[in-house]
Amino acid sequence: MNYHQYYQTDVINGPGTRATLFVSGCEHQCRGCYNQSTWNPCSGHEFDEQMQQRIIDDLNDNRIKRRGLSLSGGDPLFPANLDAILALVKRVNEECPGKDIWLWTGYTLDSLTAAQQQVVDRVNVVVDGKFEQALADPSLVFKGSSNQQIHYLR
């Protein structure tokens, strides 16, 4: 898996102060997407063990209280991303007590494959659905268009 950007301190992509990872790879290619540079799964930087450890360390750093991890992109549930994302969310669940995980995806919960569902089973909140430019609304919180749904899972 590749990633485009990592923000060790973010207050935009989810509630509270968070760590946010924007992964590469998206097959939805929504018209009006603000992050088109993440569509190509080969773009960006390699997501390796060192980067995964950095995220864990940042989440556990008590000098900056982070509420959790946000996963966006691209699409964290893009098939080529699933192994790396599953490994990351498992580590966050096991090694970062009290931290929540938010995940944005263009897939809908009712259309997930078994492999995608394994990831979703380990996150707290999923914002699902493709961005629809005709339904875009800048007043919406944590989503870009009114068709997208916020699912509080655990």
Protein backbone atom coordinates (compact mmCIF):
# COMPACT_ATOMS: atom_id res chain seq x y z
CA MET A 1 0.00 0.00 0.00
CA ASN A 2 1.06 3.56 -0.60
CA TYR A 3 -0.03 6.69 1.20
CA HIS A 4 -0.09 10.33 0.15
CA GLN A 5 -0.02 12.22 3.40
CA TYR A 6 0.21 11.64 7.10
CA TYR A 7 -0.76 14.30 9.62
CA GLN A 8 0.46 13.48 13.10
CA THR A 9 -1.79 16.21 14.50
CA ASP A 10 -5.11 16.94 12.79
CA VAL A 11 -8.30 18.63 14.01
CA ILE A 12 -10.30 18.53 10.76
CA ASN A 13 -10.84 14.84 9.90
CA GLY A 14 -12.92 13.60 12.80
CA PRO A 15 -13.66 14.77 16.33
CA GLY A 16 -10.90 16.02 18.59
CA THR A 17 -7.19 15.97 17.89
CA ARG A 18 -6.26 12.99 15.72
CA ALA A 19 -3.61 11.35 13.60
CA THR A 20 -4.77 11.12 9.97
CA LEU A 21 -3.51 8.93 7.14
CA PHE A 22 -4.49 9.57 3.51
CA VAL A 23 -3.89 6.36 1.55
CA SER A 24 -3.38 5.97 -2.20
CA GLY A 25 -5.77 4.04 -4.39
CA CYS A 26 -9.42 4.65 -5.25
CA GLU A 27 -11.58 3.11 -7.94
CA HIS A 28 -14.59 5.40 -7.39
CA GLN A 29 -13.05 8.50 -8.98
CA CYS A 30 -15.92 10.72 -7.89
CA ARG A 31 -16.51 13.87 -9.91
CA GLY A 32 -15.51 16.84 -7.78
CA CYS A 33 -13.28 14.82 -5.44
CA TYR A 34 -10.96 17.18 -3.56
CA ASN A 35 -8.22 14.56 -3.37
CA GLN A 36 -7.84 13.24 -6.94
CA SER A 37 -4.08 12.90 -6.55
CA THR A 38 -4.71 9.89 -4.29
CA TRP A 39 -6.60 7.83 -6.89
CA ASN A 40 -3.53 6.09 -8.33
CA PRO A 41 -2.54 3.23 -5.99
CA CYS A 42 1.11 3.56 -7.04
CA SER A 43 1.36 7.26 -6.16
CA GLY A 44 2.72 8.68 -2.94
CA HIS A 45 5.01 6.90 -0.52
CA GLU A 46 5.34 3.27 0.49
CA PHE A 47 3.51 2.45 3.71
CA ASP A 48 6.07 0.39 5.57
CA GLU A 49 6.65 -0.91 9.10
CA GLN A 50 8.42 2.31 10.05
CA MET A 51 5.40 4.40 9.05
CA GLN A 52 3.03 2.04 10.85
CA GLN A 53 5.16 2.31 14.00
CA ARG A 54 5.21 6.10 13.73
CA ILE A 55 1.40 6.17 13.80
CA ILE A 56 1.29 3.89 16.85
CA ASP A 57 3.91 6.01 18.61
CA ASP A 58 2.06 9.23 17.81
CA LEU A 59 -1.23 7.83 19.10
CA ASN A 60 0.48 6.82 22.35
CA ASP A 61 2.39 10.09 22.77
CA ASN A 62 0.97 11.73 25.88
CA ARG A 63 2.44 15.15 25.08
CA ILE A 64 -0.32 15.63 22.47
CA LYS A 65 -3.56 13.94 23.49
CA ARG A 66 -5.00 12.38 20.35
CA ARG A 67 -8.50 10.98 20.41
CA GLY A 68 -7.77 8.53 17.62
CA LEU A 69 -6.85 7.71 14.05
CA SER A 70 -8.61 8.85 10.87
CA LEU A 71 -8.20 6.85 7.66
CA SER A 72 -9.06 8.53 4.37
CA GLY A 73 -7.63 8.76 0.91
CA GLY A 74 -7.99 7.53 -1.74
CA ASP A 75 -9.97 4.77 -0.13
CA PRO A 76 -8.72 2.69 2.79
CA LEU A 77 -11.01 -0.14 1.63
CA PHE A 78 -9.55 -0.17 -1.91
CA PRO A 79 -8.73 -3.88 -2.41
CA ALA A 80 -4.97 -3.38 -2.69
CA ASN A 81 -4.97 -1.52 0.65
CA LEU A 82 -6.80 -4.08 2.75
CA ASP A 83 -3.88 -6.09 4.12
CA ALA A 84 -1.97 -3.04 5.31
CA ILE A 85 -5.06 -1.29 6.68
CA LEU A 86 -6.19 -4.41 8.53
CA ALA A 87 -2.75 -4.79 10.11
CA LEU A 88 -2.78 -1.12 11.14
CA VAL A 89 -6.26 -1.15 12.70
CA LYS A 90 -5.46 -4.36 14.58
CA ARG A 91 -2.36 -2.73 16.07
CA VAL A 92 -4.27 0.43 17.00
CA ASN A 93 -6.96 -1.68 18.70
CA GLU A 94 -4.36 -3.71 20.61
CA GLU A 95 -1.67 -1.12 21.37
CA CYS A 96 -3.54 2.18 21.70
CA PRO A 97 -6.18 1.73 24.38
CA GLY A 98 -8.98 4.26 24.34
CA LYS A 99 -8.25 5.50 20.80
CA ASP A 100 -11.04 5.44 18.24
CA ILE A 101 -10.72 4.85 14.49
CA TRP A 102 -12.70 6.73 11.85
CA LEU A 103 -12.67 5.52 8.23
CA TRP A 104 -13.95 7.22 5.07
CA THR A 105 -14.85 5.02 2.08
CA GLY A 106 -16.73 5.32 -1.18
CA TYR A 107 -18.10 1.82 -0.69
CA THR A 108 -21.36 1.42 1.22
CA LEU A 109 -21.62 -0.88 4.22
CA ASP A 110 -24.11 -3.11 2.44
CA SER A 111 -21.73 -3.69 -0.50
CA LEU A 112 -18.56 -4.69 1.35
CA THR A 113 -16.60 -7.83 0.59
CA ALA A 114 -15.67 -10.17 3.43
CA ALA A 115 -12.13 -8.74 3.43
CA GLN A 116 -13.41 -5.16 3.64
CA GLN A 117 -15.79 -6.16 6.44
CA GLN A 118 -12.83 -7.48 8.48
CA VAL A 119 -11.45 -3.94 8.55
CA VAL A 120 -14.82 -2.33 9.29
CA ASP A 121 -15.35 -4.74 12.19
CA ARG A 122 -12.35 -3.12 13.89
CA VAL A 123 -13.18 0.57 13.44
CA ASN A 124 -15.49 2.78 15.46
CA VAL A 125 -16.99 5.01 12.79
CA VAL A 126 -17.40 4.63 9.03
CA VAL A 127 -18.40 7.44 6.71
CA ASP A 128 -19.57 5.61 3.61
CA GLY A 129 -20.78 6.37 0.11
CA LYS A 130 -19.33 8.03 -2.94
CA PHE A 131 -19.00 11.79 -2.97
CA GLU A 132 -21.83 13.14 -5.16
CA GLN A 133 -21.03 16.61 -6.45
CA ALA A 134 -24.71 17.41 -7.03
CA LEU A 135 -25.37 16.66 -3.34
CA ALA A 136 -22.32 18.50 -2.00
CA ASP A 137 -22.97 20.67 1.01
CA PRO A 138 -20.16 22.52 2.81
CA SER A 139 -22.26 22.78 5.96
CA LEU A 140 -22.17 19.00 6.50
CA VAL A 141 -19.92 17.78 9.30
CA PHE A 142 -17.41 15.01 8.48
CA LYS A 143 -18.88 14.28 5.05
CA GLY A 144 -18.94 16.07 1.72
CA SER A 145 -22.34 15.19 0.23
CA SER A 146 -25.73 14.46 1.74
CA ASN A 147 -25.92 10.90 0.39
CA GLN A 148 -22.98 9.86 2.56
CA GLN A 149 -23.80 8.27 5.89
CA ILE A 150 -21.97 8.33 9.23
CA HIS A 151 -22.19 4.95 10.94
CA TYR A 152 -21.26 4.79 14.63
CA LEU A 153 -20.36 1.13 14.98
CA ARG A 154 -18.74 0.68 18.38
